[in-house]
Amino acid sequence: MTFYTYNYLHASQSTWQYWRIALTSVLVIVFILFLLGSVLKQAF
């Protein structure tokens, strides 16, 4: 039981790291798009 719980926590931790990286990438992309949109609005 303890081994199963440890395995589950370890797997969820690595999954969390993957999702954290994905979420960070999405936030960066949205931020860049927002900046580009602001620049385009000012240009035109």
PDB file of N, CA and C in Angstrom:
ATOM      1  N   MET A   1       0.839  -1.198   0.000  1.00  0.00           N
ATOM      2  CA  MET A   1       0.000   0.000   0.000  1.00  0.00           C
ATOM      3  C   MET A   1       0.881   1.258   0.000  1.00  0.00           C
ATOM      4  N   THR A   2       1.876   1.256   0.865  1.00  0.00           N
ATOM      5  CA  THR A   2       2.778   2.406   0.924  1.00  0.00           C
ATOM      6  C   THR A   2       3.516   2.560  -0.397  1.00  0.00           C
ATOM      7  N   PHE A   3       3.952   1.436  -0.967  1.00  0.00           N
ATOM      8  CA  PHE A   3       4.676   1.472  -2.232  1.00  0.00           C
ATOM      9  C   PHE A   3       3.776   2.021  -3.341  1.00  0.00           C
ATOM     10  N   TYR A   4       2.509   1.593  -3.341  1.00  0.00           N
ATOM     11  CA  TYR A   4       1.563   2.061  -4.348  1.00  0.00           C
ATOM     12  C   TYR A   4       1.362   3.574  -4.218  1.00  0.00           C
ATOM     13  N   THR A   5       1.212   4.042  -2.991  1.00  0.00           N
ATOM     14  CA  THR A   5       1.016   5.467  -2.758  1.00  0.00           C
ATOM     15  C   THR A   5       2.241   6.255  -3.206  1.00  0.00           C
ATOM     16  N   TYR A   6       3.433   5.721  -2.878  1.00  0.00           N
ATOM     17  CA  TYR A   6       4.668   6.400  -3.274  1.00  0.00           C
ATOM     18  C   TYR A   6       4.773   6.461  -4.791  1.00  0.00           C
ATOM     19  N   ASN A   7       4.448   5.346  -5.443  1.00  0.00           N
ATOM     20  CA  ASN A   7       4.490   5.302  -6.904  1.00  0.00           C
ATOM     21  C   ASN A   7       3.513   6.317  -7.490  1.00  0.00           C
ATOM     22  N   TYR A   8       2.328   6.375  -6.931  1.00  0.00           N
ATOM     23  CA  TYR A   8       1.301   7.294  -7.426  1.00  0.00           C
ATOM     24  C   TYR A   8       1.749   8.747  -7.261  1.00  0.00           C
ATOM     25  N   LEU A   9       2.298   9.068  -6.089  1.00  0.00           N
ATOM     26  CA  LEU A   9       2.769  10.437  -5.853  1.00  0.00           C
ATOM     27  C   LEU A   9       3.897  10.792  -6.800  1.00  0.00           C
ATOM     28  N   HIS A  10       4.804   9.854  -7.024  1.00  0.00           N
ATOM     29  CA  HIS A  10       5.930  10.110  -7.915  1.00  0.00           C
ATOM     30  C   HIS A  10       5.432  10.358  -9.345  1.00  0.00           C
ATOM     31  N   ALA A  11       4.471   9.551  -9.781  1.00  0.00           N
ATOM     32  CA  ALA A  11       3.932   9.698 -11.140  1.00  0.00           C
ATOM     33  C   ALA A  11       3.191  11.032 -11.266  1.00  0.00           C
ATOM     34  N   SER A  12       2.391  11.370 -10.268  1.00  0.00           N
ATOM     35  CA  SER A  12       1.636  12.625 -10.334  1.00  0.00           C
ATOM     36  C   SER A  12       2.581  13.819 -10.286  1.00  0.00           C
ATOM     37  N   GLN A  13       3.709  13.674  -9.586  1.00  0.00           N
ATOM     38  CA  GLN A  13       4.670  14.773  -9.513  1.00  0.00           C
ATOM     39  C   GLN A  13       5.290  15.028 -10.882  1.00  0.00           C
ATOM     40  N   SER A  14       5.690  13.960 -11.585  1.00  0.00           N
ATOM     41  CA  SER A  14       6.286  14.136 -12.908  1.00  0.00           C
ATOM     42  C   SER A  14       5.238  14.669 -13.885  1.00  0.00           C
ATOM     43  N   THR A  15       3.993  14.215 -13.733  1.00  0.00           N
ATOM     44  CA  THR A  15       2.921  14.729 -14.583  1.00  0.00           C
ATOM     45  C   THR A  15       2.709  16.214 -14.299  1.00  0.00           C
ATOM     46  N   TRP A  16       2.788  16.600 -13.035  1.00  0.00           N
ATOM     47  CA  TRP A  16       2.631  18.006 -12.654  1.00  0.00           C
ATOM     48  C   TRP A  16       3.736  18.843 -13.280  1.00  0.00           C
ATOM     49  N   GLN A  17       4.979  18.311 -13.298  1.00  0.00           N
ATOM     50  CA  GLN A  17       6.078  19.047 -13.907  1.00  0.00           C
ATOM     51  C   GLN A  17       5.795  19.266 -15.395  1.00  0.00           C
ATOM     52  N   TYR A  18       5.283  18.222 -16.071  1.00  0.00           N
ATOM     53  CA  TYR A  18       4.970  18.346 -17.503  1.00  0.00           C
ATOM     54  C   TYR A  18       3.899  19.409 -17.726  1.00  0.00           C
ATOM     55  N   TRP A  19       2.845  19.374 -16.898  1.00  0.00           N
ATOM     56  CA  TRP A  19       1.767  20.347 -17.061  1.00  0.00           C
ATOM     57  C   TRP A  19       2.230  21.752 -16.724  1.00  0.00           C
ATOM     58  N   ARG A  20       3.156  21.850 -15.744  1.00  0.00           N
ATOM     59  CA  ARG A  20       3.670  23.174 -15.381  1.00  0.00           C
ATOM     60  C   ARG A  20       4.445  23.777 -16.548  1.00  0.00           C
ATOM     61  N   ILE A  21       5.240  22.943 -17.228  1.00  0.00           N
ATOM     62  CA  ILE A  21       5.991  23.418 -18.396  1.00  0.00           C
ATOM     63  C   ILE A  21       5.026  23.839 -19.504  1.00  0.00           C
ATOM     64  N   ALA A  22       4.001  23.013 -19.746  1.00  0.00           N
ATOM     65  CA  ALA A  22       3.027  23.316 -20.799  1.00  0.00           C
ATOM     66  C   ALA A  22       2.281  24.615 -20.472  1.00  0.00           C
ATOM     67  N   LEU A  23       1.882  24.765 -19.213  1.00  0.00           N
ATOM     68  CA  LEU A  23       1.140  25.959 -18.805  1.00  0.00           C
ATOM     69  C   LEU A  23       2.004  27.207 -18.947  1.00  0.00           C
ATOM     70  N   THR A  24       3.278  27.085 -18.573  1.00  0.00           N
ATOM     71  CA  THR A  24       4.195  28.221 -18.707  1.00  0.00           C
ATOM     72  C   THR A  24       4.339  28.617 -20.171  1.00  0.00           C
ATOM     73  N   SER A  25       4.452  27.616 -21.060  1.00  0.00           N
ATOM     74  CA  SER A  25       4.594  27.903 -22.490  1.00  0.00           C
ATOM     75  C   SER A  25       3.361  28.637 -23.010  1.00  0.00           C
ATOM     76  N   VAL A  26       2.188  28.175 -22.608  1.00  0.00           N
ATOM     77  CA  VAL A  26       0.948  28.814 -23.064  1.00  0.00           C
ATOM     78  C   VAL A  26       0.883  30.262 -22.577  1.00  0.00           C
ATOM     79  N   LEU A  27       1.253  30.479 -21.314  1.00  0.00           N
ATOM     80  CA  LEU A  27       1.217  31.843 -20.777  1.00  0.00           C
ATOM     81  C   LEU A  27       2.177  32.754 -21.527  1.00  0.00           C
ATOM     82  N   VAL A  28       3.357  32.240 -21.852  1.00  0.00           N
ATOM     83  CA  VAL A  28       4.338  33.039 -22.592  1.00  0.00           C
ATOM     84  C   VAL A  28       3.798  33.387 -23.978  1.00  0.00           C
ATOM     85  N   ILE A  29       3.178  32.405 -24.648  1.00  0.00           N
ATOM     86  CA  ILE A  29       2.630  32.641 -25.991  1.00  0.00           C
ATOM     87  C   ILE A  29       1.522  33.693 -25.933  1.00  0.00           C
ATOM     88  N   VAL A  30       0.639  33.573 -24.941  1.00  0.00           N
ATOM     89  CA  VAL A  30      -0.451  34.543 -24.797  1.00  0.00           C
ATOM     90  C   VAL A  30       0.112  35.937 -24.526  1.00  0.00           C
ATOM     91  N   PHE A  31       1.150  36.002 -23.691  1.00  0.00           N
ATOM     92  CA  PHE A  31       1.769  37.299 -23.373  1.00  0.00           C
ATOM     93  C   PHE A  31       2.367  37.931 -24.622  1.00  0.00           C
ATOM     94  N   ILE A  32       3.059  37.121 -25.444  1.00  0.00           N
ATOM     95  CA  ILE A  32       3.668  37.629 -26.680  1.00  0.00           C
ATOM     96  C   ILE A  32       2.579  38.103 -27.649  1.00  0.00           C
ATOM     97  N   LEU A  33       1.511  37.313 -27.777  1.00  0.00           N
ATOM     98  CA  LEU A  33       0.417  37.714 -28.664  1.00  0.00           C
ATOM     99  C   LEU A  33      -0.212  39.017 -28.177  1.00  0.00           C
ATOM    100  N   PHE A  34      -0.347  39.156 -26.862  1.00  0.00           N
ATOM    101  CA  PHE A  34      -0.916  40.379 -26.298  1.00  0.00           C
ATOM    102  C   PHE A  34      -0.031  41.581 -26.618  1.00  0.00           C
ATOM    103  N   LEU A  35       1.282  41.404 -26.487  1.00  0.00           N
ATOM    104  CA  LEU A  35       2.211  42.494 -26.807  1.00  0.00           C
ATOM    105  C   LEU A  35       2.129  42.847 -28.285  1.00  0.00           C
ATOM    106  N   LEU A  36       2.108  41.826 -29.146  1.00  0.00           N
ATOM    107  CA  LEU A  36       2.022  42.077 -30.585  1.00  0.00           C
ATOM    108  C   LEU A  36       0.721  42.799 -30.919  1.00  0.00           C
ATOM    109  N   GLY A  37      -0.373  42.398 -30.279  1.00  0.00           N
ATOM    110  CA  GLY A  37      -1.654  43.044 -30.517  1.00  0.00           C
ATOM    111  C   GLY A  37      -1.619  44.506 -30.111  1.00  0.00           C
ATOM    112  N   SER A  38      -0.992  44.796 -28.978  1.00  0.00           N
ATOM    113  CA  SER A  38      -0.887  46.185 -28.524  1.00  0.00           C
ATOM    114  C   SER A  38      -0.067  47.010 -29.502  1.00  0.00           C
ATOM    115  N   VAL A  39       1.032  46.459 -29.981  1.00  0.00           N
ATOM    116  CA  VAL A  39       1.890  47.179 -30.930  1.00  0.00           C
ATOM    117  C   VAL A  39       1.137  47.437 -32.229  1.00  0.00           C
ATOM    118  N   LEU A  40       0.404  46.428 -32.706  1.00  0.00           N
ATOM    119  CA  LEU A  40      -0.340  46.597 -33.960  1.00  0.00           C
ATOM    120  C   LEU A  40      -1.435  47.649 -33.795  1.00  0.00           C
ATOM    121  N   LYS A  41      -2.098  47.679 -32.637  1.00  0.00           N
ATOM    122  CA  LYS A  41      -3.139  48.684 -32.410  1.00  0.00           C
ATOM    123  C   LYS A  41      -2.540  50.084 -32.431  1.00  0.00           C
ATOM    124  N   GLN A  42      -1.349  50.237 -31.857  1.00  0.00           N
ATOM    125  CA  GLN A  42      -0.707  51.549 -31.846  1.00  0.00           C
ATOM    126  C   GLN A  42      -0.234  51.926 -33.246  1.00  0.00           C
ATOM    127  N   ALA A  43       0.231  50.942 -34.016  1.00  0.00           N
ATOM    128  CA  ALA A  43       0.773  51.217 -35.352  1.00  0.00           C
ATOM    129  C   ALA A  43      -0.343  51.684 -36.286  1.00  0.00           C
ATOM    130  N   PHE A  44      -1.514  51.049 -36.157  1.00  0.00           N
ATOM    131  CA  PHE A  44      -2.614  51.426 -37.048  1.00  0.00           C
ATOM    132  C   PHE A  44      -3.673  52.202 -36.282  1.00  0.00           C
TER     133      PHE A  44
END
